[in-house]
Structure formats: structure tokens, C-alpha cells
Protein backbone atom coordinates (compact mmCIF):
# COMPACT_ATOMS: atom_id res chain seq x y z
CA UNK A 1 88.17 75.68 89.77
CA UNK A 2 90.98 74.34 91.80
CA UNK A 3 92.61 76.46 94.54
CA UNK A 4 96.01 77.41 94.58
CA UNK A 5 98.11 76.59 97.02
CA UNK A 6 101.90 76.67 98.14
CA UNK A 7 103.95 73.42 97.54
CA UNK A 8 104.05 71.29 100.61
CA UNK A 9 108.18 71.08 100.07
CA UNK A 10 109.76 74.85 101.12
CA UNK A 11 112.73 76.10 103.31
CA UNK A 12 113.13 75.24 106.71
CA UNK A 13 112.21 78.45 108.12
CA UNK A 14 108.85 78.39 106.70
CA UNK A 15 105.57 77.55 108.08
CA UNK A 16 102.33 77.20 105.77
CA UNK A 17 98.82 77.54 107.04
CA UNK A 18 95.26 78.47 106.05
CA UNK A 19 95.06 75.37 103.56
CA UNK A 20 98.95 76.15 102.44
CA UNK A 21 97.67 79.53 101.37
CA UNK A 22 99.99 81.31 103.68
CA UNK A 23 103.50 81.28 104.13
CA UNK A 24 104.81 82.89 107.84
CA UNK A 25 108.99 82.72 107.95
CA UNK A 26 109.22 81.72 111.68
CA UNK A 27 113.07 82.26 111.73
CA UNK A 28 116.11 84.49 110.64
CA UNK A 29 115.72 85.74 107.02
CA UNK A 30 116.60 83.03 105.04
CA UNK A 31 115.83 79.36 104.34
CA UNK A 32 112.30 80.47 103.30
CA UNK A 33 111.76 79.57 99.88
CA UNK A 34 108.15 78.46 98.79
CA UNK A 35 107.15 76.73 95.31
CA UNK A 36 103.45 76.93 93.92
CA UNK A 37 101.73 73.59 94.24
CA UNK A 38 101.29 72.84 90.57
CA UNK A 39 103.31 74.30 87.39
CA UNK A 40 102.02 77.62 85.70
CA UNK A 41 100.14 77.61 82.36
CA UNK A 42 101.04 80.61 80.26
CA UNK A 43 98.61 83.42 81.40
CA UNK A 44 98.21 82.27 84.43
CA UNK A 45 98.82 84.77 86.93
CA UNK A 46 100.19 83.51 90.39
CA UNK A 47 99.27 86.62 92.34
CA UNK A 48 100.13 86.99 96.32
CA UNK A 49 99.61 89.56 98.99
CA UNK A 50 102.16 90.93 101.38
CA UNK A 51 100.40 90.58 105.07
CA UNK A 52 103.07 91.07 107.47
CA UNK A 53 106.54 92.64 107.52
CA UNK A 54 109.41 92.65 110.43
CA UNK A 55 111.64 95.24 110.95
CA UNK A 56 115.35 95.02 111.64
CA UNK A 57 116.19 93.31 107.89
CA UNK A 58 117.24 94.53 104.87
CA UNK A 59 116.08 93.27 101.52
CA UNK A 60 112.36 92.20 100.59
CA UNK A 61 110.35 89.65 98.92
CA UNK A 62 111.89 87.68 95.82
CA UNK A 63 109.45 86.28 93.21
CA UNK A 64 110.11 84.36 89.94
CA UNK A 65 110.16 81.19 87.81
CA UNK A 66 111.74 77.96 87.84
CA UNK A 67 112.02 74.56 86.28
CA UNK A 68 113.29 73.08 89.51
CA UNK A 69 110.35 70.66 90.26
CA UNK A 70 109.90 70.65 94.21
CA UNK A 71 108.41 67.31 94.36
CA UNK A 72 111.93 66.57 93.80
CA UNK A 73 113.25 67.44 96.98
CA UNK A 74 116.21 68.83 95.80
CA UNK A 75 118.39 70.59 98.31
CA UNK A 76 116.82 74.17 99.06
CA UNK A 77 119.38 76.91 98.97
CA UNK A 78 119.41 79.67 101.63
CA UNK A 79 118.24 82.43 99.21
CA UNK A 80 116.43 82.13 95.74
CA UNK A 81 118.97 85.17 95.06
CA UNK A 82 121.44 84.56 93.92
CA UNK A 83 121.28 80.85 95.14
CA UNK A 84 118.65 79.21 93.67
CA UNK A 85 119.48 81.56 90.50
CA UNK A 86 122.97 80.73 90.22
CA UNK A 87 121.81 76.86 89.92
CA UNK A 88 120.37 77.36 86.57
CA UNK A 89 116.80 76.89 85.15
CA UNK A 90 115.40 79.75 87.42
CA UNK A 91 114.47 83.49 86.75
CA UNK A 92 114.03 85.27 89.67
CA UNK A 93 112.67 89.29 90.68
CA UNK A 94 113.50 91.26 93.34
CA UNK A 95 111.13 93.21 95.07
CA UNK A 96 111.91 96.84 95.94
CA UNK A 97 110.42 99.76 97.18
CA UNK A 98 110.52 101.78 93.52
CA UNK A 99 109.77 100.09 90.40
CA UNK A 100 110.04 101.58 86.87
CA UNK A 101 107.87 99.87 83.93
CA UNK A 102 109.89 98.35 81.04
CA UNK A 103 110.67 100.20 77.91
CA UNK A 104 111.33 98.46 74.63
CA UNK A 105 113.49 99.61 71.85
CA UNK A 106 111.98 100.54 68.74
CA UNK A 107 113.12 98.56 66.01
CA UNK A 108 113.28 101.24 63.55
CA UNK A 109 115.73 103.46 65.52
CA UNK A 110 116.97 104.01 69.09
CA UNK A 111 114.38 105.74 70.51
CA UNK A 112 112.29 104.15 73.39
CA UNK A 113 108.37 103.67 73.72
CA UNK A 114 106.23 102.80 76.78
CA UNK A 115 105.24 98.95 77.05
CA UNK A 116 101.82 98.11 76.41
CA UNK A 117 100.39 95.98 79.11
CA UNK A 118 99.68 92.32 78.43
CA UNK A 119 96.64 92.25 81.03
CA UNK A 120 94.98 94.94 78.58
CA UNK A 121 93.32 98.20 78.94
CA UNK A 122 89.78 97.16 80.29
CA UNK A 123 87.72 96.04 83.82
CA UNK A 124 88.33 92.50 82.96
CA UNK A 125 91.50 90.34 82.93
CA UNK A 126 91.64 87.28 80.50
CA UNK A 127 94.03 84.67 81.63
CA UNK A 128 94.55 80.67 81.09
CA UNK A 129 92.21 79.53 83.55
CA UNK A 130 89.54 82.14 82.93
CA UNK A 131 88.29 85.81 83.46
CA UNK A 132 88.43 88.04 86.67
CA UNK A 133 87.82 91.47 87.63
CA UNK A 134 91.23 93.59 87.28
CA UNK A 135 90.89 94.91 90.77
CA UNK A 136 91.51 91.63 92.33
CA UNK A 137 95.16 92.59 90.94
CA UNK A 138 95.21 95.74 93.37
CA UNK A 139 95.45 96.22 97.15
CA UNK A 140 92.27 95.94 99.41
CA UNK A 141 91.17 99.01 101.11
CA UNK A 142 93.57 99.98 104.39
CA UNK A 143 92.49 101.68 107.36
CA UNK A 144 94.82 104.77 108.57
CA UNK A 145 95.99 105.32 111.93
CA UNK A 146 93.53 108.28 112.22
CA UNK A 147 90.59 105.81 111.84
CA UNK A 148 90.37 106.89 107.58
CA UNK A 149 89.92 104.50 105.21
CA UNK A 150 93.44 105.30 102.98
CA UNK A 151 93.99 105.97 99.52
CA UNK A 152 96.03 102.83 99.20
CA UNK A 153 93.84 99.71 98.00
CA UNK A 154 90.88 101.59 97.29
CA UNK A 155 90.78 99.70 94.07
CA UNK A 156 91.30 102.55 91.50
CA UNK A 157 94.65 102.85 89.65
CA UNK A 158 95.42 106.46 91.40
CA UNK A 159 95.23 105.18 94.81
CA UNK A 160 97.78 102.12 94.02
CA UNK A 161 100.33 104.66 93.49
CA UNK A 162 100.50 105.64 97.29
CA UNK A 163 101.37 102.15 98.54
CA UNK A 164 105.16 100.53 97.98
CA UNK A 165 105.62 97.60 96.49
CA UNK A 166 107.07 96.28 99.63
CA UNK A 167 104.09 97.42 101.91
CA UNK A 168 101.58 95.23 103.78
CA UNK A 169 98.98 95.00 101.27
CA UNK A 170 100.80 95.29 98.17
CA UNK A 171 99.99 92.41 95.54
CA UNK A 172 102.56 90.94 93.30
CA UNK A 173 102.31 88.60 90.65
CA UNK A 174 104.13 86.40 87.85
CA UNK A 175 103.22 85.45 84.87
CA UNK A 176 104.56 84.29 81.41
CA UNK A 177 103.23 84.22 77.63
CA UNK A 178 105.00 82.29 75.26
CA UNK A 179 106.42 83.80 71.89
CA UNK A 180 108.41 81.59 69.03
CA UNK A 181 108.64 78.69 71.39
CA UNK A 182 110.23 80.86 74.23
CA UNK A 183 108.52 82.05 77.60
CA UNK A 184 108.69 85.62 78.82
CA UNK A 185 108.42 86.23 82.40
CA UNK A 186 106.51 89.49 83.21
CA UNK A 187 105.79 90.88 86.78
CA UNK A 188 102.85 92.62 88.03
CA UNK A 189 102.38 95.05 90.59
CA UNK A 190 99.26 96.28 92.39
CA UNK A 191 97.28 95.71 89.31
CA UNK A 192 100.00 97.18 86.48
CA UNK A 193 102.22 94.92 84.08
CA UNK A 194 105.57 96.29 84.84
CA UNK A 195 106.92 94.79 81.34
CA UNK A 196 108.87 91.49 80.52
CA UNK A 197 111.43 90.67 83.19
CA UNK A 198 113.02 87.77 81.61
CA UNK A 199 113.14 86.90 77.87
CA UNK A 200 114.27 83.55 76.11
CA UNK A 201 112.96 81.09 78.74
CA UNK A 202 112.73 77.47 77.49
CA UNK A 203 109.54 76.47 77.21
CA UNK A 204 107.96 73.13 76.79
CA UNK A 205 110.93 70.77 77.92
CA UNK A 206 110.25 71.37 81.83
CA UNK A 207 107.03 72.53 83.49
CA UNK A 208 107.71 76.32 85.35
CA UNK A 209 106.66 76.64 88.92
CA UNK A 210 106.16 80.08 90.52
CA UNK A 211 108.90 80.50 93.16
CA UNK A 212 108.29 83.03 96.38
CA UNK A 213 111.13 83.64 98.87
CA UNK A 214 109.79 85.67 102.09
CA UNK A 215 112.89 86.91 102.59
CA UNK A 216 113.98 89.99 104.37
CA UNK A 217 111.74 92.38 106.00
CA UNK A 218 108.84 90.31 104.32
CA UNK A 219 107.37 88.44 107.28
CA UNK A 220 104.51 86.68 105.92
CA UNK A 221 102.35 86.36 102.56
CA UNK A 222 99.22 84.84 100.99
CA UNK A 223 97.89 83.62 97.72
CA UNK A 224 95.16 85.49 96.40
CA UNK A 225 92.68 83.38 94.38
CA UNK A 226 91.84 84.93 91.40
CA UNK A 227 89.67 82.07 90.40
CA UNK A 228 89.66 79.63 93.02
CA UNK A 229 87.53 79.46 96.28
CA UNK A 230 89.22 81.07 98.92
CA UNK A 231 88.87 80.12 102.56
CA UNK A 232 85.52 81.39 104.25
CA UNK A 233 87.86 83.51 106.70
CA UNK A 234 89.75 85.41 103.78
CA UNK A 235 86.30 85.89 101.77
CA UNK A 236 84.25 87.62 104.77
CA UNK A 237 87.74 89.84 105.53
CA UNK A 238 87.83 90.82 102.16
CA UNK A 239 84.25 91.79 101.70
CA UNK A 240 84.39 93.43 105.30
CA UNK A 241 87.27 95.59 104.47
CA UNK A 242 85.64 96.97 101.22
CA UNK A 243 82.73 97.92 103.31
CA UNK A 244 84.39 99.89 106.21
CA UNK A 245 84.48 103.41 106.60
CA UNK A 246 86.73 103.97 109.21
CA UNK A 247 88.96 101.90 111.99
CA UNK A 248 86.08 102.59 114.65
CA UNK A 249 84.09 100.36 112.53
CA UNK A 250 85.35 97.27 113.32
CA UNK A 251 84.75 97.76 116.66
CA UNK A 252 81.10 97.66 116.13
CA UNK A 253 80.87 94.72 113.78
CA UNK A 254 78.87 91.65 115.28
CA UNK A 255 82.30 89.22 115.55
CA UNK A 256 82.38 87.22 118.70
CA UNK A 257 85.96 86.31 118.67
CA UNK A 258 88.61 88.72 119.29
CA UNK A 259 90.86 87.01 117.24
CA UNK A 260 88.96 88.10 113.86
CA UNK A 261 89.01 91.63 115.03
CA UNK A 262 92.57 91.46 115.70
CA UNK A 263 92.80 89.55 112.10
CA UNK A 264 91.24 92.85 110.91
CA UNK A 265 93.26 95.41 112.42
CA UNK A 266 96.15 93.82 111.13
CA UNK A 267 95.32 95.92 108.07
CA UNK A 268 95.31 99.09 110.22
CA UNK A 269 98.45 101.22 109.91
CA UNK A 270 100.36 101.22 112.92
């Protein structure tokens, strides 16, 4: 299964590393647009995790779909919203601290009914490229300042409610489904389908790429590998974090390089 990466063409303030699976905004709060390396297929989830935030800015991550091919190296605007969206053929969503699920109208009346997730209700999610555990869509365990494992990121639905969409560790995905020759974009937040945030997207004439704008307080994001093979560093980190009981356990790990301990501690709350 191929690894999911960012496209090498991106905003001037972005630096890619970890085999183009991590995007870091070096300067300012603009010129930080990224694309998926390849177009998304219907029901393929492009999932990222917020790795680092930076205080002093307003606004947060933006994510969505575009029909602009990054391989054409078209002139990139400063921002995905509103600039890229204003170019047309782009559907961008701003991530905020609070989010409500989409409700749909009842075709037989004016009342509304809860939206039924396209992810299904089971422990596994079926996508275009294969099947994976639903828990991969949710945040990893986080270590609190007092040393205990925090509720957020423990892998169950209740624990995900305690982490804000803009927090470090939050996992945000984008996907689309095709209905009557039109694409419908869905926003996935920490394992929950928030409903269709854009409908009637032209489908078939041009491919759809994922767009990620590392904007505002969001400083660094990484792609979460749902089916492809992750890097050894990320794979080891994920397994270690799932097994830790407290922050002090990090110092007991037989890790010879101090930088590796620092990499784990970035998931601990200050």
C-alpha cells in the first residue's frame, strides 16, 4: 500500500520533512498551503494530526479539496481562505475550536434529523483503499502535566470530547463521496463524521486534491498513515504512547538519544 505524502509544491513558508509526511511553517502565518501528493479517490480519507501550535496568531488550520493541480505549479495565494477558494474549483473548510455536526432537512417537513455518519458505526472503517481500525481516526493518548495519562486521545468516543479540534494531537480528515455524478465533501474530526460541508462539487472532469493550509496558530501537522506503512519513528512513537502510564515513564525508557525523549515529551501538556 503506498504511503500518503504532501506534494513537493507548497507555500514558500512551508518546510517538509519526515519523507514529506510532516509540514512545518517556518515563518509568519501565511504562505503555508500544502496539497496531497496524489488526487484523492472517492471514500479515501486524507487524515492529518496537529503536532505543534504557536501562540500569538489568530485563526487555525484550514482543510479541503481543490481541482487545481499542484504539479502545474500555479501561483499560490497567501491563504486557502479566502484566496484559493476565490480562484474557484476549491472547497475549503476552516477548523475552529468548537464544531457542530451537520443536520439535514427532513424531505417530508421542516424538522431536522441527526446526520448519519458515512463512516458507519462499527470498530472498522471501510474506504476506497482498504479497511482500518476506527481508533486510528482518534487522538493518541496524551500525558498531563501532573504525569497522568489524560482523557483526551485514549481512543474511545468519550475521551475525544475533551480535546478541542485545534489542540495538539487533534486528528482532522477530509474525504468525499459521489452522489449522482457530484462529489460531497465530508469533514472528519477526531473520529466523527461532521456531515457534508460542501455539496455539488463537479466530479469526473478533474481530479480532487486535498488542501491543508497550516495557518494561524497551527504550526506543524503530520499525515496519519491509515493503510500505508508509516516511518519507523512514527510507528514506534505511537506504540510507546499507547503503553505509557505516566509522564515519568518516558525517563525510564531505554532510549539512547535525548532527542527521542524530547519528541515524546512534545505530546505532554506544558
